[in-house]
C-alpha cells in the first residue's frame, strides 16, 4: 500500500471534529504553497506574458471599471 493510500485510510477514520481540523490545516497549507509558487513565478518573469496581454486588452478598450 502506498503512503498516499495509507493517509487516505487514516483520513477515512477521523472523527468529524478531527476532519474539520485537518481541512482547516490543509487549506492554510495549500494557500501558503500557492502563494510561494505565485511569488516564484512572478520573480522569474513567468507571469509577464499575462500582464502584457491584460495591458494590451485594456488599451484596446476591452476592460471596464470594477
C-alpha atoms as a PDB file:
ATOM      1  CA  UNK A   1       0.000   0.000   0.000  1.00  0.00           C
ATOM      2  CA  UNK A   2       1.386   3.393  -0.958  1.00  0.00           C
ATOM      3  CA  UNK A   3       1.890   6.193   1.520  1.00  0.00           C
ATOM      4  CA  UNK A   4      -0.968   8.156  -0.070  1.00  0.00           C
ATOM      5  CA  UNK A   5      -3.312   5.184   0.293  1.00  0.00           C
ATOM      6  CA  UNK A   6      -2.297   4.877   3.943  1.00  0.00           C
ATOM      7  CA  UNK A   7      -3.049   8.559   4.501  1.00  0.00           C
ATOM      8  CA  UNK A   8      -6.407   8.175   2.749  1.00  0.00           C
ATOM      9  CA  UNK A   9      -7.300   5.273   5.053  1.00  0.00           C
ATOM     10  CA  UNK A  10      -6.292   7.299   8.108  1.00  0.00           C
ATOM     11  CA  UNK A  11      -8.395  10.255   6.944  1.00  0.00           C
ATOM     12  CA  UNK A  12     -11.420   7.995   6.500  1.00  0.00           C
ATOM     13  CA  UNK A  13     -11.122   7.005  10.156  1.00  0.00           C
ATOM     14  CA  UNK A  14     -11.081  10.566  11.541  1.00  0.00           C
ATOM     15  CA  UNK A  15     -13.926  11.883  13.635  1.00  0.00           C
ATOM     16  CA  UNK A  16     -15.919  14.798  12.222  1.00  0.00           C
ATOM     17  CA  UNK A  17     -14.042  17.171  14.543  1.00  0.00           C
ATOM     18  CA  UNK A  18     -10.647  15.827  13.518  1.00  0.00           C
ATOM     19  CA  UNK A  19     -11.639  16.007   9.847  1.00  0.00           C
ATOM     20  CA  UNK A  20     -12.652  19.655  10.294  1.00  0.00           C
ATOM     21  CA  UNK A  21      -9.255  20.402  11.869  1.00  0.00           C
ATOM     22  CA  UNK A  22      -7.485  18.623   9.015  1.00  0.00           C
ATOM     23  CA  UNK A  23      -9.468  20.576   6.419  1.00  0.00           C
ATOM     24  CA  UNK A  24      -8.596  23.888   8.054  1.00  0.00           C
ATOM     25  CA  UNK A  25      -4.934  22.939   8.338  1.00  0.00           C
ATOM     26  CA  UNK A  26      -4.752  21.734   4.752  1.00  0.00           C
ATOM     27  CA  UNK A  27      -6.495  24.819   3.367  1.00  0.00           C
ATOM     28  CA  UNK A  28      -3.884  27.034   5.050  1.00  0.00           C
ATOM     29  CA  UNK A  29      -1.024  24.740   3.995  1.00  0.00           C
ATOM     30  CA  UNK A  30      -2.234  24.733   0.382  1.00  0.00           C
ATOM     31  CA  UNK A  31      -2.744  28.516   0.317  1.00  0.00           C
ATOM     32  CA  UNK A  32       0.810  29.083   1.524  1.00  0.00           C
ATOM     33  CA  UNK A  33       2.197  26.717  -1.113  1.00  0.00           C
ATOM     34  CA  UNK A  34       0.188  28.542  -3.796  1.00  0.00           C
ATOM     35  CA  UNK A  35       1.467  31.922  -2.584  1.00  0.00           C
ATOM     36  CA  UNK A  36       5.078  30.691  -2.727  1.00  0.00           C
ATOM     37  CA  UNK A  37       4.558  29.386  -6.274  1.00  0.00           C
ATOM     38  CA  UNK A  38       2.983  32.655  -7.480  1.00  0.00           C
ATOM     39  CA  UNK A  39       5.804  34.657  -5.908  1.00  0.00           C
ATOM     40  CA  UNK A  40       8.452  32.430  -7.525  1.00  0.00           C
ATOM     41  CA  UNK A  41       6.707  32.629 -10.914  1.00  0.00           C
ATOM     42  CA  UNK A  42       6.470  36.395 -10.625  1.00  0.00           C
ATOM     43  CA  UNK A  43      10.144  36.813  -9.740  1.00  0.00           C
ATOM     44  CA  UNK A  44      11.110  34.513 -12.629  1.00  0.00           C
ATOM     45  CA  UNK A  45       9.052  36.546 -15.083  1.00  0.00           C
ATOM     46  CA  UNK A  46       6.712  33.650 -15.833  1.00  0.00           C
ATOM     47  CA  UNK A  47       3.653  35.908 -15.486  1.00  0.00           C
ATOM     48  CA  UNK A  48       4.893  38.704 -17.742  1.00  0.00           C
ATOM     49  CA  UNK A  49       3.002  37.429 -20.776  1.00  0.00           C
ATOM     50  CA  UNK A  50      -0.257  37.588 -18.818  1.00  0.00           C
ATOM     51  CA  UNK A  51       0.473  41.123 -17.678  1.00  0.00           C
ATOM     52  CA  UNK A  52       1.327  42.216 -21.214  1.00  0.00           C
ATOM     53  CA  UNK A  53      -1.843  40.623 -22.609  1.00  0.00           C
ATOM     54  CA  UNK A  54      -4.003  42.273 -19.958  1.00  0.00           C
ATOM     55  CA  UNK A  55      -2.473  45.692 -20.557  1.00  0.00           C
ATOM     56  CA  UNK A  56      -2.934  45.337 -24.323  1.00  0.00           C
ATOM     57  CA  UNK A  57      -6.598  44.391 -23.878  1.00  0.00           C
ATOM     58  CA  UNK A  58      -7.113  47.328 -21.539  1.00  0.00           C
ATOM     59  CA  UNK A  59      -5.527  49.739 -24.021  1.00  0.00           C
ATOM     60  CA  UNK A  60      -7.780  48.278 -26.734  1.00  0.00           C
ATOM     61  CA  UNK A  61     -10.817  49.170 -24.629  1.00  0.00           C
ATOM     62  CA  UNK A  62     -11.663  45.596 -23.713  1.00  0.00           C
ATOM     63  CA  UNK A  63     -11.833  46.256 -19.976  1.00  0.00           C
ATOM     64  CA  UNK A  64     -14.300  48.002 -17.726  1.00  0.00           C
ATOM     65  CA  UNK A  65     -14.138  49.532 -14.244  1.00  0.00           C
ATOM     66  CA  UNK A  66     -14.974  47.226 -11.383  1.00  0.00           C
END
